PDB file of N, CA and C in Angstrom:
ATOM      1  N   UNK A   1      74.843  70.094 118.367  1.00  0.00           N
ATOM      2  CA  UNK A   1      75.101  71.379 118.998  1.00  0.00           C
ATOM      3  C   UNK A   1      76.208  72.152 118.178  1.00  0.00           C
ATOM      4  N   UNK A   2      76.160  73.471 118.203  1.00  0.00           N
ATOM      5  CA  UNK A   2      76.994  74.311 117.423  1.00  0.00           C
ATOM      6  C   UNK A   2      77.020  73.867 115.986  1.00  0.00           C
ATOM      7  N   UNK A   3      76.009  74.090 115.269  1.00  0.00           N
ATOM      8  CA  UNK A   3      75.828  73.637 113.886  1.00  0.00           C
ATOM      9  C   UNK A   3      76.128  74.686 112.850  1.00  0.00           C
ATOM     10  N   UNK A   4      76.466  74.275 111.686  1.00  0.00           N
ATOM     11  CA  UNK A   4      76.739  75.208 110.624  1.00  0.00           C
ATOM     12  C   UNK A   4      76.254  74.548 109.324  1.00  0.00           C
ATOM     13  N   UNK A   5      75.390  75.244 108.604  1.00  0.00           N
ATOM     14  CA  UNK A   5      74.972  74.796 107.295  1.00  0.00           C
ATOM     15  C   UNK A   5      75.562  75.829 106.284  1.00  0.00           C
ATOM     16  N   UNK A   6      76.111  75.341 105.120  1.00  0.00           N
ATOM     17  CA  UNK A   6      76.691  76.210 104.203  1.00  0.00           C
ATOM     18  C   UNK A   6      76.291  75.870 102.785  1.00  0.00           C
ATOM     19  N   UNK A   7      75.993  76.833 101.919  1.00  0.00           N
ATOM     20  CA  UNK A   7      75.712  76.688 100.543  1.00  0.00           C
ATOM     21  C   UNK A   7      76.611  77.711  99.778  1.00  0.00           C
ATOM     22  N   UNK A   8      76.436  77.716  98.476  1.00  0.00           N
ATOM     23  CA  UNK A   8      77.194  78.705  97.734  1.00  0.00           C
ATOM     24  C   UNK A   8      76.820  80.135  98.071  1.00  0.00           C
ATOM     25  N   UNK A   9      75.532  80.376  98.455  1.00  0.00           N
ATOM     26  CA  UNK A   9      75.013  81.698  98.667  1.00  0.00           C
ATOM     27  C   UNK A   9      74.841  82.119 100.184  1.00  0.00           C
ATOM     28  N   UNK A  10      74.859  81.147 101.082  1.00  0.00           N
ATOM     29  CA  UNK A  10      74.529  81.538 102.473  1.00  0.00           C
ATOM     30  C   UNK A  10      75.248  80.560 103.461  1.00  0.00           C
ATOM     31  N   UNK A  11      75.440  81.111 104.663  1.00  0.00           N
ATOM     32  CA  UNK A  11      75.920  80.370 105.772  1.00  0.00           C
ATOM     33  C   UNK A  11      74.920  80.542 106.961  1.00  0.00           C
ATOM     34  N   UNK A  12      74.495  79.426 107.527  1.00  0.00           N
ATOM     35  CA  UNK A  12      73.553  79.457 108.626  1.00  0.00           C
ATOM     36  C   UNK A  12      74.146  78.790 109.858  1.00  0.00           C
ATOM     37  N   UNK A  13      74.161  79.448 111.033  1.00  0.00           N
ATOM     38  CA  UNK A  13      74.723  78.840 112.226  1.00  0.00           C
ATOM     39  C   UNK A  13      73.670  78.872 113.316  1.00  0.00           C
ATOM     40  N   UNK A  14      73.851  77.986 114.255  1.00  0.00           N
ATOM     41  CA  UNK A  14      72.915  77.917 115.409  1.00  0.00           C
ATOM     42  C   UNK A  14      73.601  77.169 116.543  1.00  0.00           C
ATOM     43  N   UNK A  15      73.099  77.332 117.733  1.00  0.00           N
ATOM     44  CA  UNK A  15      73.622  76.622 118.867  1.00  0.00           C
ATOM     45  C   UNK A  15      73.160  75.157 118.929  1.00  0.00           C
ATOM     46  N   UNK A  16      71.938  74.930 118.374  1.00  0.00           N
ATOM     47  CA  UNK A  16      71.361  73.611 118.430  1.00  0.00           C
ATOM     48  C   UNK A  16      70.476  73.380 117.222  1.00  0.00           C
ATOM     49  N   UNK A  17      70.461  72.139 116.658  1.00  0.00           N
ATOM     50  CA  UNK A  17      69.540  71.841 115.582  1.00  0.00           C
ATOM     51  C   UNK A  17      69.108  70.429 115.752  1.00  0.00           C
ATOM     52  N   UNK A  18      67.851  70.155 115.430  1.00  0.00           N
ATOM     53  CA  UNK A  18      67.247  68.904 115.227  1.00  0.00           C
ATOM     54  C   UNK A  18      66.672  68.899 113.860  1.00  0.00           C
ATOM     55  N   UNK A  19      67.243  67.977 112.927  1.00  0.00           N
ATOM     56  CA  UNK A  19      66.834  67.969 111.617  1.00  0.00           C
ATOM     57  C   UNK A  19      66.520  66.520 111.166  1.00  0.00           C
ATOM     58  N   UNK A  20      65.353  66.279 110.585  1.00  0.00           N
ATOM     59  CA  UNK A  20      65.017  64.997 110.002  1.00  0.00           C
ATOM     60  C   UNK A  20      65.816  64.778 108.693  1.00  0.00           C
ATOM     61  N   UNK A  21      66.666  63.727 108.633  1.00  0.00           N
ATOM     62  CA  UNK A  21      67.508  63.527 107.475  1.00  0.00           C
ATOM     63  C   UNK A  21      66.762  63.213 106.264  1.00  0.00           C
ATOM     64  N   UNK A  22      65.635  62.548 106.390  1.00  0.00           N
ATOM     65  CA  UNK A  22      64.869  62.260 105.251  1.00  0.00           C
ATOM     66  C   UNK A  22      64.115  63.448 104.631  1.00  0.00           C
ATOM     67  N   UNK A  23      63.414  64.187 105.440  1.00  0.00           N
ATOM     68  CA  UNK A  23      62.591  65.260 104.929  1.00  0.00           C
ATOM     69  C   UNK A  23      63.377  66.561 104.854  1.00  0.00           C
ATOM     70  N   UNK A  24      64.470  66.725 105.611  1.00  0.00           N
ATOM     71  CA  UNK A  24      65.197  67.952 105.669  1.00  0.00           C
ATOM     72  C   UNK A  24      64.568  69.070 106.477  1.00  0.00           C
ATOM     73  N   UNK A  25      63.529  68.601 107.210  1.00  0.00           N
ATOM     74  CA  UNK A  25      62.806  69.678 108.060  1.00  0.00           C
ATOM     75  C   UNK A  25      63.230  69.528 109.475  1.00  0.00           C
ATOM     76  N   UNK A  26      63.217  70.654 110.225  1.00  0.00           N
ATOM     77  CA  UNK A  26      63.597  70.563 111.619  1.00  0.00           C
ATOM     78  C   UNK A  26      63.490  71.932 112.290  1.00  0.00           C
ATOM     79  N   UNK A  27      64.192  71.992 113.469  1.00  0.00           N
ATOM     80  CA  UNK A  27      64.120  73.157 114.349  1.00  0.00           C
ATOM     81  C   UNK A  27      65.551  73.564 114.709  1.00  0.00           C
ATOM     82  N   UNK A  28      65.820  74.812 114.640  1.00  0.00           N
ATOM     83  CA  UNK A  28      67.030  75.468 115.054  1.00  0.00           C
ATOM     84  C   UNK A  28      66.761  76.323 116.320  1.00  0.00           C
ATOM     85  N   UNK A  29      67.741  76.393 117.238  1.00  0.00           N
ATOM     86  CA  UNK A  29      67.554  77.179 118.463  1.00  0.00           C
ATOM     87  C   UNK A  29      68.850  77.779 118.869  1.00  0.00           C
ATOM     88  N   UNK A  30      68.730  78.972 119.422  1.00  0.00           N
ATOM     89  CA  UNK A  30      69.956  79.651 120.054  1.00  0.00           C
ATOM     90  C   UNK A  30      70.866  80.355 119.120  1.00  0.00           C
ATOM     91  N   UNK A  31      70.865  81.689 119.168  1.00  0.00           N
ATOM     92  CA  UNK A  31      71.763  82.517 118.387  1.00  0.00           C
ATOM     93  C   UNK A  31      71.920  82.122 116.926  1.00  0.00           C
ATOM     94  N   UNK A  32      70.782  82.037 116.308  1.00  0.00           N
ATOM     95  CA  UNK A  32      70.697  81.637 114.892  1.00  0.00           C
ATOM     96  C   UNK A  32      71.181  82.860 114.060  1.00  0.00           C
ATOM     97  N   UNK A  33      72.206  82.662 113.145  1.00  0.00           N
ATOM     98  CA  UNK A  33      72.604  83.717 112.289  1.00  0.00           C
ATOM     99  C   UNK A  33      72.668  83.201 110.862  1.00  0.00           C
ATOM    100  N   UNK A  34      72.152  83.945 109.973  1.00  0.00           N
ATOM    101  CA  UNK A  34      72.214  83.621 108.514  1.00  0.00           C
ATOM    102  C   UNK A  34      73.004  84.768 107.868  1.00  0.00           C
ATOM    103  N   UNK A  35      74.080  84.407 107.203  1.00  0.00           N
ATOM    104  CA  UNK A  35      74.933  85.331 106.448  1.00  0.00           C
ATOM    105  C   UNK A  35      74.795  85.150 104.966  1.00  0.00           C
ATOM    106  N   UNK A  36      74.447  86.201 104.273  1.00  0.00           N
ATOM    107  CA  UNK A  36      74.369  86.206 102.785  1.00  0.00           C
ATOM    108  C   UNK A  36      75.122  87.411 102.292  1.00  0.00           C
ATOM    109  N   UNK A  37      75.237  87.485 100.954  1.00  0.00           N
ATOM    110  CA  UNK A  37      75.956  88.641 100.331  1.00  0.00           C
ATOM    111  C   UNK A  37      75.082  89.906 100.538  1.00  0.00           C
ATOM    112  N   UNK A  38      73.790  89.700 100.714  1.00  0.00           N
ATOM    113  CA  UNK A  38      72.834  90.853 100.939  1.00  0.00           C
ATOM    114  C   UNK A  38      72.895  91.416 102.335  1.00  0.00           C
ATOM    115  N   UNK A  39      73.191  90.554 103.337  1.00  0.00           N
ATOM    116  CA  UNK A  39      73.223  91.046 104.730  1.00  0.00           C
ATOM    117  C   UNK A  39      73.155  89.878 105.750  1.00  0.00           C
ATOM    118  N   UNK A  40      72.757  90.112 106.935  1.00  0.00           N
ATOM    119  CA  UNK A  40      72.632  89.127 107.944  1.00  0.00           C
ATOM    120  C   UNK A  40      71.199  89.149 108.570  1.00  0.00           C
ATOM    121  N   UNK A  41      70.869  87.950 109.104  1.00  0.00           N
ATOM    122  CA  UNK A  41      69.650  87.794 109.784  1.00  0.00           C
ATOM    123  C   UNK A  41      69.899  87.112 111.114  1.00  0.00           C
ATOM    124  N   UNK A  42      69.269  87.546 112.196  1.00  0.00           N
ATOM    125  CA  UNK A  42      69.471  86.839 113.476  1.00  0.00           C
ATOM    126  C   UNK A  42      68.090  86.623 114.231  1.00  0.00           C
ATOM    127  N   UNK A  43      68.017  85.512 114.843  1.00  0.00           N
ATOM    128  CA  UNK A  43      66.831  85.103 115.630  1.00  0.00           C
ATOM    129  C   UNK A  43      67.233  84.134 116.657  1.00  0.00           C
ATOM    130  N   UNK A  44      66.271  83.608 117.510  1.00  0.00           N
ATOM    131  CA  UNK A  44      66.598  82.695 118.492  1.00  0.00           C
ATOM    132  C   UNK A  44      66.018  81.255 118.230  1.00  0.00           C
ATOM    133  N   UNK A  45      64.953  81.204 117.446  1.00  0.00           N
ATOM    134  CA  UNK A  45      64.284  79.924 117.184  1.00  0.00           C
ATOM    135  C   UNK A  45      63.698  79.920 115.810  1.00  0.00           C
ATOM    136  N   UNK A  46      63.912  78.909 114.987  1.00  0.00           N
ATOM    137  CA  UNK A  46      63.443  78.822 113.637  1.00  0.00           C
ATOM    138  C   UNK A  46      63.155  77.445 113.225  1.00  0.00           C
ATOM    139  N   UNK A  47      62.041  77.283 112.540  1.00  0.00           N
ATOM    140  CA  UNK A  47      61.700  76.052 111.925  1.00  0.00           C
ATOM    141  C   UNK A  47      62.321  76.106 110.495  1.00  0.00           C
ATOM    142  N   UNK A  48      62.813  75.044 109.929  1.00  0.00           N
ATOM    143  CA  UNK A  48      63.525  75.055 108.640  1.00  0.00           C
ATOM    144  C   UNK A  48      63.025  73.904 107.721  1.00  0.00           C
ATOM    145  N   UNK A  49      62.985  74.185 106.457  1.00  0.00           N
ATOM    146  CA  UNK A  49      62.852  73.230 105.414  1.00  0.00           C
ATOM    147  C   UNK A  49      64.009  73.368 104.549  1.00  0.00           C
ATOM    148  N   UNK A  50      65.131  72.653 104.831  1.00  0.00           N
ATOM    149  CA  UNK A  50      66.343  72.826 104.146  1.00  0.00           C
ATOM    150  C   UNK A  50      66.323  72.557 102.653  1.00  0.00           C
ATOM    151  N   UNK A  51      65.580  71.495 102.248  1.00  0.00           N
ATOM    152  CA  UNK A  51      65.494  71.277 100.792  1.00  0.00           C
ATOM    153  C   UNK A  51      64.890  72.277 100.029  1.00  0.00           C
ATOM    154  N   UNK A  52      63.933  73.036 100.624  1.00  0.00           N
ATOM    155  CA  UNK A  52      63.211  74.124 100.006  1.00  0.00           C
ATOM    156  C   UNK A  52      63.911  75.442 100.247  1.00  0.00           C
ATOM    157  N   UNK A  53      64.927  75.524 101.117  1.00  0.00           N
ATOM    158  CA  UNK A  53      65.580  76.774 101.430  1.00  0.00           C
ATOM    159  C   UNK A  53      64.739  77.770 102.171  1.00  0.00           C
ATOM    160  N   UNK A  54      63.829  77.244 103.059  1.00  0.00           N
ATOM    161  CA  UNK A  54      62.922  78.170 103.792  1.00  0.00           C
ATOM    162  C   UNK A  54      63.106  77.964 105.341  1.00  0.00           C
ATOM    163  N   UNK A  55      63.098  79.141 105.930  1.00  0.00           N
ATOM    164  CA  UNK A  55      63.093  79.139 107.406  1.00  0.00           C
ATOM    165  C   UNK A  55      61.959  80.062 107.834  1.00  0.00           C
ATOM    166  N   UNK A  56      61.367  79.795 109.039  1.00  0.00           N
ATOM    167  CA  UNK A  56      60.262  80.637 109.503  1.00  0.00           C
ATOM    168  C   UNK A  56      60.141  80.502 111.013  1.00  0.00           C
ATOM    169  N   UNK A  57      59.445  81.516 111.625  1.00  0.00           N
ATOM    170  CA  UNK A  57      59.261  81.500 113.017  1.00  0.00           C
ATOM    171  C   UNK A  57      58.306  82.559 113.472  1.00  0.00           C
ATOM    172  N   UNK A  58      57.932  82.509 114.705  1.00  0.00           N
ATOM    173  CA  UNK A  58      56.967  83.528 115.210  1.00  0.00           C
ATOM    174  C   UNK A  58      57.646  84.454 116.233  1.00  0.00           C
ATOM    175  N   UNK A  59      58.929  84.282 116.463  1.00  0.00           N
ATOM    176  CA  UNK A  59      59.691  85.078 117.423  1.00  0.00           C
ATOM    177  C   UNK A  59      60.221  86.370 116.747  1.00  0.00           C
ATOM    178  N   UNK A  60      61.151  87.003 117.480  1.00  0.00           N
ATOM    179  CA  UNK A  60      61.786  88.260 116.949  1.00  0.00           C
ATOM    180  C   UNK A  60      62.879  87.895 115.897  1.00  0.00           C
ATOM    181  N   UNK A  61      63.008  88.855 114.954  1.00  0.00           N
ATOM    182  CA  UNK A  61      64.020  88.673 114.015  1.00  0.00           C
ATOM    183  C   UNK A  61      64.675  90.061 113.747  1.00  0.00           C
ATOM    184  N   UNK A  62      65.932  90.097 113.365  1.00  0.00           N
ATOM    185  CA  UNK A  62      66.676  91.276 112.995  1.00  0.00           C
ATOM    186  C   UNK A  62      67.362  91.094 111.723  1.00  0.00           C
ATOM    187  N   UNK A  63      67.147  91.920 110.669  1.00  0.00           N
ATOM    188  CA  UNK A  63      67.838  91.846 109.418  1.00  0.00           C
ATOM    189  C   UNK A  63      68.615  93.081 109.288  1.00  0.00           C
ATOM    190  N   UNK A  64      69.945  92.911 108.788  1.00  0.00           N
ATOM    191  CA  UNK A  64      70.783  94.063 108.579  1.00  0.00           C
ATOM    192  C   UNK A  64      71.420  93.995 107.198  1.00  0.00           C
ATOM    193  N   UNK A  65      71.460  95.080 106.471  1.00  0.00           N
ATOM    194  CA  UNK A  65      72.289  95.203 105.316  1.00  0.00           C
ATOM    195  C   UNK A  65      73.136  96.445 105.470  1.00  0.00           C
ATOM    196  N   UNK A  66      73.746  96.888 104.436  1.00  0.00           N
ATOM    197  CA  UNK A  66      74.665  98.014 104.536  1.00  0.00           C
ATOM    198  C   UNK A  66      73.984  99.304 104.948  1.00  0.00           C
ATOM    199  N   UNK A  67      72.778  99.503 104.703  1.00  0.00           N
ATOM    200  CA  UNK A  67      72.021 100.774 104.923  1.00  0.00           C
ATOM    201  C   UNK A  67      70.781 100.727 105.916  1.00  0.00           C
ATOM    202  N   UNK A  68      70.324  99.522 106.182  1.00  0.00           N
ATOM    203  CA  UNK A  68      69.089  99.367 106.970  1.00  0.00           C
ATOM    204  C   UNK A  68      69.119  98.296 107.984  1.00  0.00           C
ATOM    205  N   UNK A  69      68.368  98.490 109.069  1.00  0.00           N
ATOM    206  CA  UNK A  69      68.145  97.427 110.040  1.00  0.00           C
ATOM    207  C   UNK A  69      66.585  97.254 110.081  1.00  0.00           C
ATOM    208  N   UNK A  70      66.130  96.006 110.005  1.00  0.00           N
ATOM    209  CA  UNK A  70      64.711  95.739 110.032  1.00  0.00           C
ATOM    210  C   UNK A  70      64.534  94.815 111.178  1.00  0.00           C
ATOM    211  N   UNK A  71      63.624  95.124 112.114  1.00  0.00           N
ATOM    212  CA  UNK A  71      63.296  94.364 113.302  1.00  0.00           C
ATOM    213  C   UNK A  71      61.802  93.966 113.126  1.00  0.00           C
ATOM    214  N   UNK A  72      61.497  92.824 113.599  1.00  0.00           N
ATOM    215  CA  UNK A  72      60.166  92.351 113.580  1.00  0.00           C
ATOM    216  C   UNK A  72      59.833  91.141 114.421  1.00  0.00           C
ATOM    217  N   UNK A  73      58.596  90.694 114.440  1.00  0.00           N
ATOM    218  CA  UNK A  73      58.224  89.534 115.084  1.00  0.00           C
ATOM    219  C   UNK A  73      57.259  88.806 114.225  1.00  0.00           C
ATOM    220  N   UNK A  74      57.587  87.519 113.978  1.00  0.00           N
ATOM    221  CA  UNK A  74      56.846  86.693 113.077  1.00  0.00           C
ATOM    222  C   UNK A  74      57.501  86.903 111.643  1.00  0.00           C
ATOM    223  N   UNK A  75      57.955  85.875 111.026  1.00  0.00           N
ATOM    224  CA  UNK A  75      58.675  85.985 109.749  1.00  0.00           C
ATOM    225  C   UNK A  75      58.741  84.703 108.962  1.00  0.00           C
ATOM    226  N   UNK A  76      59.074  84.843 107.730  1.00  0.00           N
ATOM    227  CA  UNK A  76      59.410  83.733 106.785  1.00  0.00           C
ATOM    228  C   UNK A  76      60.517  84.250 105.879  1.00  0.00           C
ATOM    229  N   UNK A  77      61.547  83.312 105.639  1.00  0.00           N
ATOM    230  CA  UNK A  77      62.638  83.668 104.838  1.00  0.00           C
ATOM    231  C   UNK A  77      62.865  82.615 103.819  1.00  0.00           C
ATOM    232  N   UNK A  78      63.028  82.975 102.582  1.00  0.00           N
ATOM    233  CA  UNK A  78      63.405  82.078 101.452  1.00  0.00           C
ATOM    234  C   UNK A  78      64.786  82.452 101.031  1.00  0.00           C
ATOM    235  N   UNK A  79      65.697  81.510 100.936  1.00  0.00           N
ATOM    236  CA  UNK A  79      67.165  81.818 100.622  1.00  0.00           C
ATOM    237  C   UNK A  79      67.284  82.089  99.150  1.00  0.00           C
ATOM    238  N   UNK A  80      66.786  81.317  98.168  1.00  0.00           N
ATOM    239  CA  UNK A  80      67.025  81.465  96.777  1.00  0.00           C
ATOM    240  C   UNK A  80      65.791  81.663  96.002  1.00  0.00           C
ATOM    241  N   UNK A  81      65.463  82.764  95.416  1.00  0.00           N
ATOM    242  CA  UNK A  81      66.117  84.077  95.697  1.00  0.00           C
ATOM    243  C   UNK A  81      65.784  84.565  97.056  1.00  0.00           C
ATOM    244  N   UNK A  82      66.623  85.381  97.575  1.00  0.00           N
ATOM    245  CA  UNK A  82      66.436  85.958  98.949  1.00  0.00           C
ATOM    246  C   UNK A  82      65.139  86.756  99.009  1.00  0.00           C
ATOM    247  N   UNK A  83      64.269  86.263  99.907  1.00  0.00           N
ATOM    248  CA  UNK A  83      62.964  86.971 100.075  1.00  0.00           C
ATOM    249  C   UNK A  83      62.598  86.765 101.485  1.00  0.00           C
ATOM    250  N   UNK A  84      62.232  87.881 102.205  1.00  0.00           N
ATOM    251  CA  UNK A  84      61.890  87.853 103.594  1.00  0.00           C
ATOM    252  C   UNK A  84      60.525  88.577 103.769  1.00  0.00           C
ATOM    253  N   UNK A  85      59.660  87.899 104.559  1.00  0.00           N
ATOM    254  CA  UNK A  85      58.385  88.464 104.916  1.00  0.00           C
ATOM    255  C   UNK A  85      58.423  88.618 106.442  1.00  0.00           C
ATOM    256  N   UNK A  86      58.272  89.874 106.943  1.00  0.00           N
ATOM    257  CA  UNK A  86      58.243  90.142 108.365  1.00  0.00           C
ATOM    258  C   UNK A  86      56.989  90.773 108.769  1.00  0.00           C
ATOM    259  N   UNK A  87      56.430  90.213 109.828  1.00  0.00           N
ATOM    260  CA  UNK A  87      55.163  90.846 110.408  1.00  0.00           C
ATOM    261  C   UNK A  87      55.679  91.853 111.418  1.00  0.00           C
ATOM    262  N   UNK A  88      54.846  92.905 111.654  1.00  0.00           N
ATOM    263  CA  UNK A  88      55.196  93.943 112.649  1.00  0.00           C
ATOM    264  C   UNK A  88      56.648  94.470 112.504  1.00  0.00           C
ATOM    265  N   UNK A  89      57.043  94.846 111.261  1.00  0.00           N
ATOM    266  CA  UNK A  89      58.310  95.263 110.941  1.00  0.00           C
ATOM    267  C   UNK A  89      58.618  96.750 111.358  1.00  0.00           C
ATOM    268  N   UNK A  90      59.823  97.074 111.799  1.00  0.00           N
ATOM    269  CA  UNK A  90      60.252  98.392 112.107  1.00  0.00           C
ATOM    270  C   UNK A  90      61.619  98.565 111.401  1.00  0.00           C
ATOM    271  N   UNK A  91      61.675  99.571 110.540  1.00  0.00           N
ATOM    272  CA  UNK A  91      62.866  99.817 109.703  1.00  0.00           C
ATOM    273  C   UNK A  91      63.641 100.985 110.237  1.00  0.00           C
ATOM    274  N   UNK A  92      65.005 100.817 110.317  1.00  0.00           N
ATOM    275  CA  UNK A  92      65.836 101.924 110.770  1.00  0.00           C
ATOM    276  C   UNK A  92      66.927 102.059 109.686  1.00  0.00           C
ATOM    277  N   UNK A  93      67.050 103.336 109.134  1.00  0.00           N
ATOM    278  CA  UNK A  93      68.150 103.670 108.199  1.00  0.00           C
ATOM    279  C   UNK A  93      69.431 104.057 108.974  1.00  0.00           C
ATOM    280  N   UNK A  94      70.518 103.546 108.421  1.00  0.00           N
ATOM    281  CA  UNK A  94      71.776 103.843 109.038  1.00  0.00           C
ATOM    282  C   UNK A  94      72.571 104.905 108.342  1.00  0.00           C
TER     283      UNK A  94
END
């Protein structure tokens, strides 16, 4: 509970995580936040493949950078290089 994963490029926090130590795959739940130099991502539930730097889910996601907020439902995120695919996305300029 209250987990934090950190790399040179990103910090990922969640209330709860269950990760297989051998495969690096697992599930994160509750107030999941990803911080990168490009911006932040938040969601409530995510499946992860830590060794591959991938997270994905079918729930709601919010991405924010300096000038935009993107909201959607159903997503996949790759950390290196940062790449996000969001289904049903809505973009708001700030």
